[in-house]
N, C-alpha and C. Protein backbone atom coordinates (compact mmCIF):
# COMPACT_ATOMS: atom_id res chain seq x y z
N UNK A 1 0.82 -1.21 0.00
CA UNK A 1 0.00 0.00 0.00
C UNK A 1 0.86 1.27 0.00
N UNK A 2 1.98 1.22 0.73
CA UNK A 2 2.87 2.38 0.76
C UNK A 2 3.45 2.64 -0.61
N UNK A 3 3.79 1.55 -1.33
CA UNK A 3 4.34 1.71 -2.69
C UNK A 3 3.30 2.32 -3.60
N UNK A 4 2.05 1.90 -3.43
CA UNK A 4 0.97 2.45 -4.25
C UNK A 4 0.80 3.94 -4.01
N UNK A 5 0.82 4.37 -2.76
CA UNK A 5 0.66 5.79 -2.44
C UNK A 5 1.81 6.61 -3.00
N UNK A 6 3.01 6.07 -2.93
CA UNK A 6 4.16 6.79 -3.49
C UNK A 6 4.01 6.95 -4.99
N UNK A 7 3.52 5.92 -5.67
CA UNK A 7 3.34 5.99 -7.12
C UNK A 7 2.27 7.01 -7.49
N UNK A 8 1.16 7.01 -6.73
CA UNK A 8 0.09 7.98 -7.00
C UNK A 8 0.59 9.41 -6.81
N UNK A 9 1.31 9.64 -5.73
CA UNK A 9 1.87 10.97 -5.49
C UNK A 9 2.84 11.37 -6.57
N UNK A 10 3.59 10.40 -7.07
CA UNK A 10 4.54 10.67 -8.15
C UNK A 10 3.80 11.13 -9.41
N UNK A 11 2.71 10.45 -9.76
CA UNK A 11 1.92 10.82 -10.92
C UNK A 11 1.32 12.22 -10.75
N UNK A 12 0.79 12.49 -9.57
CA UNK A 12 0.19 13.80 -9.32
C UNK A 12 1.21 14.92 -9.41
N UNK A 13 2.40 14.69 -8.87
CA UNK A 13 3.44 15.71 -8.94
C UNK A 13 3.85 15.97 -10.39
N UNK A 14 3.96 14.91 -11.17
CA UNK A 14 4.30 15.09 -12.58
C UNK A 14 3.21 15.86 -13.31
N UNK A 15 1.95 15.57 -13.00
CA UNK A 15 0.84 16.25 -13.64
C UNK A 15 0.83 17.74 -13.29
N UNK A 16 1.02 18.06 -11.99
CA UNK A 16 1.04 19.45 -11.56
C UNK A 16 2.20 20.19 -12.20
N UNK A 17 3.36 19.54 -12.26
CA UNK A 17 4.54 20.17 -12.86
C UNK A 17 4.29 20.47 -14.34
N UNK A 18 3.64 19.54 -15.04
CA UNK A 18 3.35 19.74 -16.47
C UNK A 18 2.40 20.90 -16.67
N UNK A 19 1.38 21.03 -15.80
CA UNK A 19 0.43 22.13 -15.92
C UNK A 19 1.12 23.46 -15.68
N UNK A 20 2.00 23.51 -14.68
CA UNK A 20 2.72 24.75 -14.40
C UNK A 20 3.63 25.13 -15.55
N UNK A 21 4.28 24.16 -16.17
CA UNK A 21 5.15 24.45 -17.29
C UNK A 21 4.35 25.02 -18.46
N UNK A 22 3.14 24.50 -18.67
CA UNK A 22 2.32 25.01 -19.76
C UNK A 22 1.92 26.45 -19.50
N UNK A 23 1.59 26.75 -18.24
CA UNK A 23 1.17 28.10 -17.91
C UNK A 23 2.29 29.11 -18.10
N UNK A 24 3.54 28.69 -17.97
CA UNK A 24 4.65 29.61 -18.10
C UNK A 24 4.93 30.00 -19.54
N UNK A 25 4.37 29.28 -20.49
CA UNK A 25 4.62 29.56 -21.89
C UNK A 25 3.80 30.78 -22.30
N UNK A 26 4.45 31.73 -22.95
CA UNK A 26 3.77 32.94 -23.44
C UNK A 26 3.28 32.69 -24.86
N UNK A 27 2.01 32.94 -25.09
CA UNK A 27 1.41 32.76 -26.41
C UNK A 27 0.73 34.06 -26.81
N UNK A 28 1.07 34.58 -27.98
CA UNK A 28 0.46 35.81 -28.47
C UNK A 28 -0.82 35.48 -29.22
N UNK A 29 -1.94 35.86 -28.65
CA UNK A 29 -3.25 35.57 -29.24
C UNK A 29 -3.92 36.86 -29.68
N UNK A 30 -4.79 36.74 -30.67
CA UNK A 30 -5.50 37.90 -31.17
C UNK A 30 -6.63 38.27 -30.23
N UNK A 31 -6.96 39.54 -30.17
CA UNK A 31 -8.01 40.02 -29.30
C UNK A 31 -9.38 39.82 -29.94
N UNK A 32 -10.40 39.69 -29.11
CA UNK A 32 -11.77 39.70 -29.62
C UNK A 32 -12.07 41.08 -30.22
N UNK A 33 -12.91 41.11 -31.21
CA UNK A 33 -13.20 42.37 -31.90
C UNK A 33 -14.67 42.77 -31.79
N UNK A 34 -15.45 42.02 -31.01
CA UNK A 34 -16.85 42.36 -30.80
C UNK A 34 -17.12 42.55 -29.32
N UNK A 35 -17.77 43.65 -28.99
CA UNK A 35 -18.12 43.96 -27.60
C UNK A 35 -19.64 44.13 -27.50
N UNK A 36 -20.17 43.93 -26.30
CA UNK A 36 -21.60 44.05 -26.05
C UNK A 36 -21.85 45.23 -25.13
N UNK A 37 -22.85 46.01 -25.44
CA UNK A 37 -23.17 47.19 -24.64
C UNK A 37 -23.43 46.81 -23.19
N UNK A 38 -22.82 47.58 -22.28
CA UNK A 38 -23.03 47.38 -20.86
C UNK A 38 -22.12 46.36 -20.23
N UNK A 39 -21.35 45.63 -21.01
CA UNK A 39 -20.47 44.61 -20.45
C UNK A 39 -19.03 45.10 -20.38
N UNK A 40 -18.17 44.22 -19.87
CA UNK A 40 -16.74 44.51 -19.81
C UNK A 40 -16.06 43.88 -21.03
N UNK A 41 -15.21 44.63 -21.69
CA UNK A 41 -14.53 44.15 -22.89
C UNK A 41 -13.02 44.18 -22.67
N UNK A 42 -12.38 43.03 -22.83
CA UNK A 42 -10.93 42.96 -22.71
C UNK A 42 -10.28 43.15 -24.07
N UNK A 43 -9.39 44.10 -24.15
CA UNK A 43 -8.59 44.33 -25.36
C UNK A 43 -7.25 43.63 -25.15
N UNK A 44 -7.08 42.52 -25.84
CA UNK A 44 -5.91 41.67 -25.62
C UNK A 44 -4.72 42.18 -26.42
N UNK A 45 -3.60 42.33 -25.73
CA UNK A 45 -2.34 42.71 -26.37
C UNK A 45 -1.21 42.02 -25.62
N UNK A 46 -0.37 41.31 -26.34
CA UNK A 46 0.75 40.59 -25.72
C UNK A 46 2.01 40.78 -26.53
N UNK A 47 3.12 40.73 -25.83
CA UNK A 47 4.44 40.88 -26.46
C UNK A 47 5.38 39.95 -25.70
N UNK A 48 5.56 38.74 -26.21
CA UNK A 48 6.37 37.73 -25.52
C UNK A 48 7.84 38.10 -25.56
N UNK A 49 8.50 37.83 -24.45
CA UNK A 49 9.93 38.10 -24.34
C UNK A 49 10.72 37.00 -25.04
N UNK A 50 11.60 37.40 -25.94
CA UNK A 50 12.46 36.44 -26.64
C UNK A 50 13.70 36.11 -25.82
N UNK A 51 14.13 37.06 -24.97
CA UNK A 51 15.34 36.88 -24.17
C UNK A 51 15.01 37.21 -22.73
N UNK A 52 14.45 36.25 -21.99
CA UNK A 52 14.02 36.51 -20.63
C UNK A 52 15.19 36.71 -19.67
N UNK A 53 16.38 36.27 -20.09
CA UNK A 53 17.52 36.41 -19.19
C UNK A 53 18.05 37.84 -19.16
N UNK A 54 17.58 38.71 -20.09
CA UNK A 54 18.03 40.09 -20.16
C UNK A 54 16.94 40.98 -19.56
N UNK A 55 17.22 41.73 -18.51
CA UNK A 55 16.20 42.61 -17.94
C UNK A 55 15.84 43.72 -18.91
N UNK A 56 14.56 44.07 -18.95
CA UNK A 56 14.11 45.10 -19.87
C UNK A 56 13.10 46.00 -19.18
N UNK A 57 13.12 47.27 -19.54
CA UNK A 57 12.12 48.22 -19.06
C UNK A 57 11.03 48.32 -20.13
N UNK A 58 9.80 48.24 -19.69
CA UNK A 58 8.68 48.20 -20.63
C UNK A 58 7.78 49.41 -20.46
N UNK A 59 7.37 49.96 -21.60
CA UNK A 59 6.44 51.10 -21.62
C UNK A 59 5.32 50.76 -22.61
N UNK A 60 4.08 51.00 -22.21
CA UNK A 60 2.93 50.65 -23.04
C UNK A 60 2.04 51.88 -23.20
N UNK A 61 1.62 52.13 -24.44
CA UNK A 61 0.69 53.21 -24.74
C UNK A 61 -0.50 52.64 -25.50
N UNK A 62 -1.69 52.97 -25.05
CA UNK A 62 -2.93 52.57 -25.72
C UNK A 62 -3.57 53.80 -26.35
N UNK A 63 -3.88 53.70 -27.64
CA UNK A 63 -4.48 54.79 -28.38
C UNK A 63 -5.86 54.38 -28.90
N UNK A 64 -6.72 55.37 -29.14
CA UNK A 64 -8.04 55.12 -29.70
C UNK A 64 -8.31 56.11 -30.83
N UNK A 65 -8.87 55.58 -31.92
CA UNK A 65 -9.27 56.40 -33.05
C UNK A 65 -10.74 56.12 -33.34
N UNK A 66 -11.58 57.14 -33.18
CA UNK A 66 -13.01 56.98 -33.37
C UNK A 66 -13.48 57.47 -34.72
N UNK A 67 -14.77 57.80 -34.79
CA UNK A 67 -15.36 58.25 -36.05
C UNK A 67 -14.78 59.58 -36.51
N UNK A 68 -14.33 60.39 -35.56
CA UNK A 68 -13.77 61.70 -35.92
C UNK A 68 -12.33 61.60 -36.42
N UNK A 69 -11.80 60.38 -36.45
CA UNK A 69 -10.44 60.12 -36.98
C UNK A 69 -9.34 60.73 -36.10
N UNK A 70 -9.65 61.13 -34.89
CA UNK A 70 -8.63 61.63 -33.99
C UNK A 70 -8.01 60.49 -33.20
N UNK A 71 -6.69 60.45 -33.16
CA UNK A 71 -5.97 59.43 -32.41
C UNK A 71 -5.59 60.01 -31.05
N UNK A 72 -6.16 59.43 -29.99
CA UNK A 72 -5.93 59.98 -28.65
C UNK A 72 -5.34 58.90 -27.75
N UNK A 73 -4.49 59.33 -26.83
CA UNK A 73 -3.90 58.43 -25.84
C UNK A 73 -4.92 58.23 -24.71
N UNK A 74 -5.29 56.96 -24.45
CA UNK A 74 -6.33 56.70 -23.45
C UNK A 74 -5.80 55.98 -22.21
N UNK A 75 -4.69 55.28 -22.34
CA UNK A 75 -4.15 54.54 -21.18
C UNK A 75 -2.68 54.25 -21.44
N UNK A 76 -1.93 54.04 -20.36
CA UNK A 76 -0.51 53.73 -20.53
C UNK A 76 0.05 53.00 -19.31
N UNK A 77 1.18 52.36 -19.55
CA UNK A 77 1.96 51.73 -18.48
C UNK A 77 3.36 52.31 -18.54
N UNK A 78 3.73 53.00 -17.47
CA UNK A 78 5.06 53.58 -17.38
C UNK A 78 5.52 53.42 -15.92
N UNK A 79 6.15 52.25 -15.69
CA UNK A 79 6.53 51.81 -14.34
C UNK A 79 5.32 51.32 -13.55
N UNK A 80 4.15 51.79 -13.89
CA UNK A 80 2.91 51.32 -13.30
C UNK A 80 1.75 51.70 -14.21
N UNK A 81 0.63 50.94 -14.16
CA UNK A 81 -0.53 51.29 -14.99
C UNK A 81 -1.15 52.59 -14.53
N UNK A 82 -1.54 53.44 -15.48
CA UNK A 82 -2.06 54.75 -15.11
C UNK A 82 -2.82 55.38 -16.27
N UNK A 83 -3.69 56.30 -15.93
CA UNK A 83 -4.36 57.12 -16.94
C UNK A 83 -3.44 58.29 -17.31
N UNK A 84 -3.40 58.67 -18.56
CA UNK A 84 -2.63 59.87 -18.93
C UNK A 84 -3.17 61.10 -18.19
N UNK A 85 -2.30 62.04 -17.90
CA UNK A 85 -2.71 63.22 -17.15
C UNK A 85 -3.78 64.02 -17.90
N UNK A 86 -3.68 64.08 -19.22
CA UNK A 86 -4.63 64.87 -20.01
C UNK A 86 -5.65 63.99 -20.73
N UNK A 87 -5.97 62.81 -20.14
CA UNK A 87 -6.93 61.92 -20.77
C UNK A 87 -8.30 62.59 -20.83
N UNK A 88 -9.04 62.34 -21.91
CA UNK A 88 -10.35 62.94 -22.07
C UNK A 88 -11.32 62.44 -21.00
N UNK A 89 -12.25 63.27 -20.63
CA UNK A 89 -13.19 62.95 -19.57
C UNK A 89 -13.97 61.68 -19.88
N UNK A 90 -14.23 61.41 -21.14
CA UNK A 90 -15.01 60.23 -21.51
C UNK A 90 -14.35 58.93 -21.05
N UNK A 91 -13.00 58.91 -21.02
CA UNK A 91 -12.28 57.69 -20.69
C UNK A 91 -11.90 57.59 -19.22
N UNK A 92 -12.12 58.62 -18.46
CA UNK A 92 -11.71 58.61 -17.05
C UNK A 92 -12.47 57.53 -16.27
N UNK A 93 -11.74 56.64 -15.60
CA UNK A 93 -12.32 55.60 -14.77
C UNK A 93 -12.98 54.47 -15.53
N UNK A 94 -12.85 54.45 -16.86
CA UNK A 94 -13.52 53.41 -17.65
C UNK A 94 -12.55 52.33 -18.14
N UNK A 95 -11.27 52.52 -17.91
CA UNK A 95 -10.27 51.55 -18.38
C UNK A 95 -9.50 51.00 -17.17
N UNK A 96 -9.25 49.71 -17.19
CA UNK A 96 -8.49 49.07 -16.11
C UNK A 96 -7.39 48.20 -16.72
N UNK A 97 -6.31 48.06 -15.96
CA UNK A 97 -5.18 47.24 -16.38
C UNK A 97 -5.53 45.77 -16.23
N UNK A 98 -5.25 44.98 -17.28
CA UNK A 98 -5.56 43.55 -17.26
C UNK A 98 -4.36 42.74 -17.72
N UNK A 99 -3.16 43.27 -17.47
CA UNK A 99 -1.94 42.61 -17.92
C UNK A 99 -1.33 41.73 -16.84
N UNK A 100 -0.21 41.12 -17.18
CA UNK A 100 0.50 40.21 -16.27
C UNK A 100 1.66 40.93 -15.59
N UNK A 101 2.17 40.32 -14.52
CA UNK A 101 3.26 40.94 -13.77
C UNK A 101 4.56 41.01 -14.58
N UNK A 102 4.78 40.00 -15.46
CA UNK A 102 6.00 40.00 -16.25
C UNK A 102 5.89 40.88 -17.48
N UNK A 103 4.73 41.52 -17.67
CA UNK A 103 4.50 42.47 -18.77
C UNK A 103 4.63 41.82 -20.15
N UNK A 104 4.39 40.53 -20.22
CA UNK A 104 4.26 39.90 -21.53
C UNK A 104 2.82 40.04 -22.03
N UNK A 105 1.89 40.11 -21.10
CA UNK A 105 0.50 40.43 -21.42
C UNK A 105 0.25 41.85 -20.93
N UNK A 106 -0.09 42.75 -21.85
CA UNK A 106 -0.29 44.17 -21.51
C UNK A 106 -1.71 44.60 -21.88
N UNK A 107 -2.66 43.73 -21.65
CA UNK A 107 -4.05 43.99 -22.03
C UNK A 107 -4.71 44.98 -21.07
N UNK A 108 -5.80 45.60 -21.56
CA UNK A 108 -6.63 46.46 -20.73
C UNK A 108 -8.08 46.05 -20.94
N UNK A 109 -8.96 46.52 -20.06
CA UNK A 109 -10.39 46.23 -20.17
C UNK A 109 -11.19 47.52 -20.16
N UNK A 110 -12.26 47.53 -20.95
CA UNK A 110 -13.19 48.66 -20.98
C UNK A 110 -14.39 48.31 -20.11
N UNK A 111 -14.72 49.18 -19.17
CA UNK A 111 -15.85 48.95 -18.29
C UNK A 111 -17.11 49.59 -18.88
N UNK A 112 -18.23 48.90 -18.75
CA UNK A 112 -19.52 49.44 -19.18
C UNK A 112 -19.44 49.96 -20.62
N UNK A 113 -19.27 49.05 -21.55
CA UNK A 113 -19.09 49.39 -22.97
C UNK A 113 -20.30 50.15 -23.51
N UNK A 114 -20.03 51.16 -24.34
CA UNK A 114 -21.08 51.93 -25.01
C UNK A 114 -20.82 51.89 -26.52
N UNK A 115 -21.80 52.38 -27.28
CA UNK A 115 -21.66 52.41 -28.74
C UNK A 115 -20.50 53.29 -29.18
N UNK A 116 -20.19 54.32 -28.39
CA UNK A 116 -19.09 55.22 -28.75
C UNK A 116 -17.72 54.55 -28.67
N UNK A 117 -17.66 53.36 -28.05
CA UNK A 117 -16.38 52.67 -27.93
C UNK A 117 -15.98 51.96 -29.21
N UNK A 118 -16.86 51.93 -30.20
CA UNK A 118 -16.50 51.34 -31.49
C UNK A 118 -15.42 52.18 -32.14
N UNK A 119 -14.42 51.51 -32.69
CA UNK A 119 -13.33 52.22 -33.34
C UNK A 119 -12.07 51.37 -33.37
N UNK A 120 -10.95 52.04 -33.59
CA UNK A 120 -9.66 51.36 -33.71
C UNK A 120 -8.80 51.64 -32.48
N UNK A 121 -8.36 50.57 -31.86
CA UNK A 121 -7.47 50.66 -30.69
C UNK A 121 -6.08 50.19 -31.10
N UNK A 122 -5.10 50.91 -30.65
CA UNK A 122 -3.71 50.57 -30.98
C UNK A 122 -2.90 50.41 -29.70
N UNK A 123 -2.27 49.25 -29.57
CA UNK A 123 -1.42 48.95 -28.42
C UNK A 123 0.04 49.05 -28.87
N UNK A 124 0.77 49.96 -28.30
CA UNK A 124 2.18 50.18 -28.66
C UNK A 124 3.06 49.83 -27.47
N UNK A 125 3.84 48.76 -27.63
CA UNK A 125 4.70 48.28 -26.55
C UNK A 125 6.15 48.57 -26.90
N UNK A 126 6.86 49.23 -26.01
CA UNK A 126 8.28 49.54 -26.21
C UNK A 126 9.08 48.89 -25.10
N UNK A 127 10.13 48.18 -25.51
CA UNK A 127 11.03 47.55 -24.53
C UNK A 127 12.42 48.15 -24.69
N UNK A 128 13.03 48.45 -23.55
CA UNK A 128 14.36 49.06 -23.54
C UNK A 128 15.32 48.10 -22.84
N UNK A 129 16.25 47.57 -23.60
CA UNK A 129 17.24 46.62 -23.07
C UNK A 129 18.55 47.36 -22.83
N UNK A 130 19.19 47.02 -21.72
CA UNK A 130 20.47 47.64 -21.39
C UNK A 130 21.53 46.57 -21.28
N UNK A 131 22.50 46.61 -22.22
CA UNK A 131 23.63 45.69 -22.22
C UNK A 131 24.83 46.37 -21.57
N UNK A 132 25.92 45.66 -21.52
CA UNK A 132 27.12 46.21 -20.87
C UNK A 132 27.65 47.45 -21.59
N UNK A 133 27.59 47.42 -22.92
CA UNK A 133 28.22 48.49 -23.68
C UNK A 133 27.23 49.42 -24.38
N UNK A 134 25.99 48.99 -24.57
CA UNK A 134 25.04 49.86 -25.27
C UNK A 134 23.61 49.51 -24.87
N UNK A 135 22.69 50.37 -25.30
CA UNK A 135 21.27 50.17 -25.04
C UNK A 135 20.55 49.87 -26.35
N UNK A 136 19.50 49.08 -26.22
CA UNK A 136 18.73 48.68 -27.41
C UNK A 136 17.25 48.75 -27.08
N UNK A 137 16.45 49.12 -28.06
CA UNK A 137 15.01 49.22 -27.84
C UNK A 137 14.25 48.59 -29.00
N UNK A 138 13.11 48.01 -28.70
CA UNK A 138 12.23 47.42 -29.71
C UNK A 138 10.81 47.91 -29.46
N UNK A 139 10.02 47.96 -30.52
CA UNK A 139 8.64 48.42 -30.42
C UNK A 139 7.74 47.51 -31.23
N UNK A 140 6.60 47.19 -30.66
CA UNK A 140 5.61 46.38 -31.34
C UNK A 140 4.26 47.06 -31.24
N UNK A 141 3.53 47.10 -32.36
CA UNK A 141 2.21 47.72 -32.39
C UNK A 141 1.16 46.67 -32.76
N UNK A 142 0.07 46.69 -32.02
CA UNK A 142 -1.05 45.78 -32.28
C UNK A 142 -2.31 46.61 -32.47
N UNK A 143 -3.03 46.36 -33.57
CA UNK A 143 -4.23 47.12 -33.89
C UNK A 143 -5.47 46.24 -33.70
N UNK A 144 -6.47 46.80 -33.03
CA UNK A 144 -7.72 46.09 -32.77
C UNK A 144 -8.88 46.95 -33.28
N UNK A 145 -9.63 46.43 -34.23
CA UNK A 145 -10.80 47.12 -34.75
C UNK A 145 -12.03 46.60 -34.00
N UNK A 146 -12.51 47.39 -33.06
CA UNK A 146 -13.59 46.96 -32.19
C UNK A 146 -14.95 47.43 -32.71
N UNK A 147 -15.91 46.51 -32.68
CA UNK A 147 -17.28 46.83 -33.05
C UNK A 147 -18.20 46.50 -31.88
N UNK A 148 -19.00 47.46 -31.47
CA UNK A 148 -19.91 47.28 -30.35
C UNK A 148 -21.29 46.90 -30.87
N UNK A 149 -21.88 45.87 -30.25
CA UNK A 149 -23.19 45.37 -30.66
C UNK A 149 -24.15 45.40 -29.50
N UNK A 150 -25.44 45.33 -29.84
CA UNK A 150 -26.46 45.35 -28.81
C UNK A 150 -26.50 44.03 -28.04
N UNK A 151 -26.32 42.91 -28.73
CA UNK A 151 -26.31 41.60 -28.09
C UNK A 151 -25.31 40.70 -28.77
N UNK A 152 -24.92 39.65 -28.07
CA UNK A 152 -23.88 38.76 -28.59
C UNK A 152 -24.44 37.91 -29.73
N UNK A 153 -23.58 37.65 -30.70
CA UNK A 153 -23.95 36.79 -31.81
C UNK A 153 -23.47 35.38 -31.53
N UNK A 154 -24.17 34.40 -32.06
CA UNK A 154 -23.80 33.00 -31.84
C UNK A 154 -22.57 32.66 -32.66
N UNK A 155 -21.58 32.15 -32.01
CA UNK A 155 -20.34 31.74 -32.66
C UNK A 155 -20.26 30.22 -32.58
N UNK A 156 -20.66 29.57 -33.68
CA UNK A 156 -20.70 28.11 -33.68
C UNK A 156 -19.31 27.51 -33.52
N UNK A 157 -18.33 28.10 -34.17
CA UNK A 157 -16.96 27.57 -34.10
C UNK A 157 -16.42 27.66 -32.67
N UNK A 158 -16.68 28.78 -32.00
CA UNK A 158 -16.19 28.94 -30.62
C UNK A 158 -16.90 27.97 -29.69
N UNK A 159 -18.21 27.78 -29.90
CA UNK A 159 -18.95 26.83 -29.07
C UNK A 159 -18.44 25.41 -29.27
N UNK A 160 -18.18 25.04 -30.53
CA UNK A 160 -17.66 23.71 -30.82
C UNK A 160 -16.28 23.51 -30.20
N UNK A 161 -15.43 24.53 -30.27
CA UNK A 161 -14.09 24.44 -29.69
C UNK A 161 -14.16 24.28 -28.17
N UNK A 162 -15.08 25.00 -27.54
CA UNK A 162 -15.22 24.90 -26.09
C UNK A 162 -15.70 23.51 -25.69
N UNK A 163 -16.65 22.96 -26.46
CA UNK A 163 -17.15 21.61 -26.16
C UNK A 163 -16.03 20.59 -26.31
N UNK A 164 -15.25 20.70 -27.38
CA UNK A 164 -14.15 19.77 -27.62
C UNK A 164 -13.09 19.89 -26.52
N UNK A 165 -12.88 21.10 -26.02
CA UNK A 165 -11.90 21.29 -24.94
C UNK A 165 -12.33 20.54 -23.69
N UNK A 166 -13.62 20.64 -23.34
CA UNK A 166 -14.12 19.95 -22.15
C UNK A 166 -14.11 18.43 -22.36
N UNK A 167 -14.43 17.99 -23.59
CA UNK A 167 -14.39 16.55 -23.87
C UNK A 167 -12.97 16.02 -23.71
N UNK A 168 -12.00 16.78 -24.24
CA UNK A 168 -10.61 16.37 -24.13
C UNK A 168 -10.16 16.35 -22.68
N UNK A 169 -10.60 17.33 -21.89
CA UNK A 169 -10.24 17.38 -20.48
C UNK A 169 -10.80 16.17 -19.74
N UNK A 170 -12.05 15.81 -20.03
CA UNK A 170 -12.66 14.64 -19.38
C UNK A 170 -11.93 13.37 -19.79
N UNK A 171 -11.58 13.27 -21.08
CA UNK A 171 -10.87 12.08 -21.56
C UNK A 171 -9.51 11.94 -20.88
N UNK A 172 -8.77 13.03 -20.78
CA UNK A 172 -7.45 12.97 -20.15
C UNK A 172 -7.56 12.63 -18.67
N UNK A 173 -8.59 13.17 -18.00
CA UNK A 173 -8.79 12.85 -16.59
C UNK A 173 -9.13 11.37 -16.42
N UNK A 174 -10.00 10.86 -17.30
CA UNK A 174 -10.38 9.44 -17.24
C UNK A 174 -9.18 8.55 -17.53
N UNK A 175 -8.36 8.96 -18.50
CA UNK A 175 -7.16 8.18 -18.84
C UNK A 175 -6.18 8.14 -17.67
N UNK A 176 -5.99 9.27 -17.01
CA UNK A 176 -5.10 9.32 -15.84
C UNK A 176 -5.64 8.44 -14.73
N UNK A 177 -6.96 8.45 -14.53
CA UNK A 177 -7.57 7.61 -13.50
C UNK A 177 -7.38 6.13 -13.82
N UNK A 178 -7.57 5.73 -15.08
CA UNK A 178 -7.39 4.34 -15.46
C UNK A 178 -5.94 3.90 -15.29
N UNK A 179 -5.00 4.79 -15.60
CA UNK A 179 -3.59 4.47 -15.41
C UNK A 179 -3.27 4.25 -13.94
N UNK A 180 -3.85 5.07 -13.09
CA UNK A 180 -3.61 4.92 -11.65
C UNK A 180 -4.21 3.61 -11.14
N UNK A 181 -5.42 3.26 -11.63
CA UNK A 181 -6.05 2.00 -11.22
C UNK A 181 -5.23 0.80 -11.70
N UNK A 182 -4.73 0.90 -12.93
CA UNK A 182 -3.92 -0.19 -13.47
C UNK A 182 -2.65 -0.38 -12.65
N UNK A 183 -1.99 0.71 -12.34
CA UNK A 183 -0.76 0.63 -11.53
C UNK A 183 -1.07 0.09 -10.14
N UNK A 184 -2.19 0.51 -9.57
CA UNK A 184 -2.58 0.04 -8.24
C UNK A 184 -2.80 -1.48 -8.25
N UNK A 185 -3.53 -1.97 -9.25
CA UNK A 185 -3.79 -3.41 -9.34
C UNK A 185 -2.51 -4.19 -9.56
N UNK A 186 -1.64 -3.64 -10.39
CA UNK A 186 -0.38 -4.33 -10.67
C UNK A 186 0.48 -4.43 -9.41
N UNK A 187 0.54 -3.34 -8.68
CA UNK A 187 1.34 -3.33 -7.45
C UNK A 187 0.70 -4.25 -6.41
N UNK A 188 -0.64 -4.19 -6.30
CA UNK A 188 -1.34 -5.05 -5.32
C UNK A 188 -1.11 -6.52 -5.65
N UNK A 189 -1.16 -6.87 -6.94
CA UNK A 189 -0.94 -8.26 -7.33
C UNK A 189 0.48 -8.71 -7.00
N UNK A 190 1.44 -7.83 -7.25
CA UNK A 190 2.83 -8.17 -6.93
C UNK A 190 3.01 -8.37 -5.44
N UNK A 191 2.37 -7.51 -4.63
CA UNK A 191 2.49 -7.64 -3.18
C UNK A 191 1.82 -8.92 -2.70
N UNK A 192 0.67 -9.30 -3.31
CA UNK A 192 -0.01 -10.54 -2.93
C UNK A 192 0.86 -11.76 -3.25
N UNK A 193 1.49 -11.73 -4.42
CA UNK A 193 2.37 -12.83 -4.79
C UNK A 193 3.54 -12.95 -3.83
N UNK A 194 4.11 -11.83 -3.44
CA UNK A 194 5.22 -11.85 -2.50
C UNK A 194 4.76 -12.39 -1.14
N UNK A 195 3.56 -11.97 -0.71
CA UNK A 195 3.04 -12.45 0.57
C UNK A 195 2.76 -13.95 0.51
N UNK A 196 2.20 -14.44 -0.62
CA UNK A 196 1.93 -15.88 -0.76
C UNK A 196 3.23 -16.67 -0.74
N UNK A 197 4.23 -16.15 -1.43
CA UNK A 197 5.53 -16.84 -1.44
C UNK A 197 6.13 -16.90 -0.04
N UNK A 198 6.01 -15.77 0.68
CA UNK A 198 6.56 -15.74 2.04
C UNK A 198 5.79 -16.68 2.96
N UNK A 199 4.46 -16.75 2.77
CA UNK A 199 3.64 -17.63 3.60
C UNK A 199 3.97 -19.10 3.34
N UNK A 200 4.11 -19.45 2.05
CA UNK A 200 4.47 -20.83 1.71
C UNK A 200 5.83 -21.21 2.26
N UNK A 201 6.73 -20.25 2.22
CA UNK A 201 8.09 -20.54 2.71
C UNK A 201 8.07 -20.76 4.22
N UNK A 202 7.28 -19.95 4.93
CA UNK A 202 7.21 -20.10 6.38
C UNK A 202 6.51 -21.39 6.79
N UNK A 203 5.63 -21.89 5.91
CA UNK A 203 4.90 -23.13 6.23
C UNK A 203 5.76 -24.37 6.07
N UNK A 204 6.88 -24.30 5.40
CA UNK A 204 7.77 -25.44 5.21
C UNK A 204 8.51 -25.72 6.51
N UNK A 205 8.55 -26.98 6.96
CA UNK A 205 9.32 -27.32 8.19
C UNK A 205 10.76 -26.89 8.07
N UNK A 206 11.34 -26.62 9.21
CA UNK A 206 12.71 -26.10 9.21
C UNK A 206 13.69 -27.09 8.60
N UNK A 207 13.49 -28.46 8.86
CA UNK A 207 14.43 -29.43 8.30
C UNK A 207 14.36 -29.48 6.79
N UNK A 208 13.16 -29.24 6.25
CA UNK A 208 13.02 -29.22 4.78
C UNK A 208 13.62 -27.97 4.18
N UNK A 209 13.63 -26.86 4.96
CA UNK A 209 14.27 -25.63 4.46
C UNK A 209 15.76 -25.83 4.29
N UNK A 210 16.36 -26.63 5.26
CA UNK A 210 17.79 -26.84 5.16
C UNK A 210 18.11 -27.84 4.05
N UNK A 211 17.25 -28.88 3.88
CA UNK A 211 17.46 -29.87 2.84
C UNK A 211 16.19 -30.00 2.00
N UNK A 212 15.99 -29.09 1.10
CA UNK A 212 14.76 -29.09 0.34
C UNK A 212 14.65 -30.25 -0.62
N UNK A 213 15.75 -30.90 -0.96
CA UNK A 213 15.71 -32.01 -1.93
C UNK A 213 15.70 -33.32 -1.16
N UNK A 214 14.63 -34.14 -1.24
CA UNK A 214 14.57 -35.41 -0.52
C UNK A 214 15.70 -36.37 -0.90
N UNK A 215 16.13 -36.33 -2.13
CA UNK A 215 17.19 -37.26 -2.59
C UNK A 215 18.48 -36.99 -1.86
N UNK A 216 18.72 -35.69 -1.59
CA UNK A 216 19.97 -35.34 -0.89
C UNK A 216 19.92 -35.86 0.53
N UNK A 217 18.72 -35.81 1.17
CA UNK A 217 18.58 -36.28 2.57
C UNK A 217 18.85 -37.76 2.66
N UNK A 218 18.32 -38.54 1.71
CA UNK A 218 18.53 -39.97 1.73
C UNK A 218 20.00 -40.29 1.46
């Protein structure tokens, strides 16, 4: 039983380690482009680090271009997430930081979406690397064309993908459970065989243990 528990714990530790490793991977995904009135809308923007061993300073600027074709700064990250000092009154208190601590995800969210939020959003990420002899900077821009709707539209592909994800999760969980049961039975059978062998050996008289072959005794 102790061997079985050690094996189960070993499997669980491996599973947890694998999940953590997956979470550490940075994946650049496209943002949703449809928002619903009155809801919260996340504008996804990511910039994965190619050289994590080199420290970098990150600056993020979010811009919005509406029907009037004016490009205005609505949010930024400069050592900390903040509203620009001269941000328009319309955007005050309506944007929140939704990024990660390592600044590979620099997304923001719009609170209480309105029809006026339809337009083009631009995420500009600047990284400043400092080497021993010189400094280097890189910039990445991500454009999101957002359309605000009265109600959500049915996305068959997204629904199918979500169903398949849950089916796969159930299958993997069931497979892990079956593997654990198989290992448990195998270990239990081995322990039973060892116990039977030990019991049979103890049942043999001591003189037969010393001379197990009758021909040798004669």
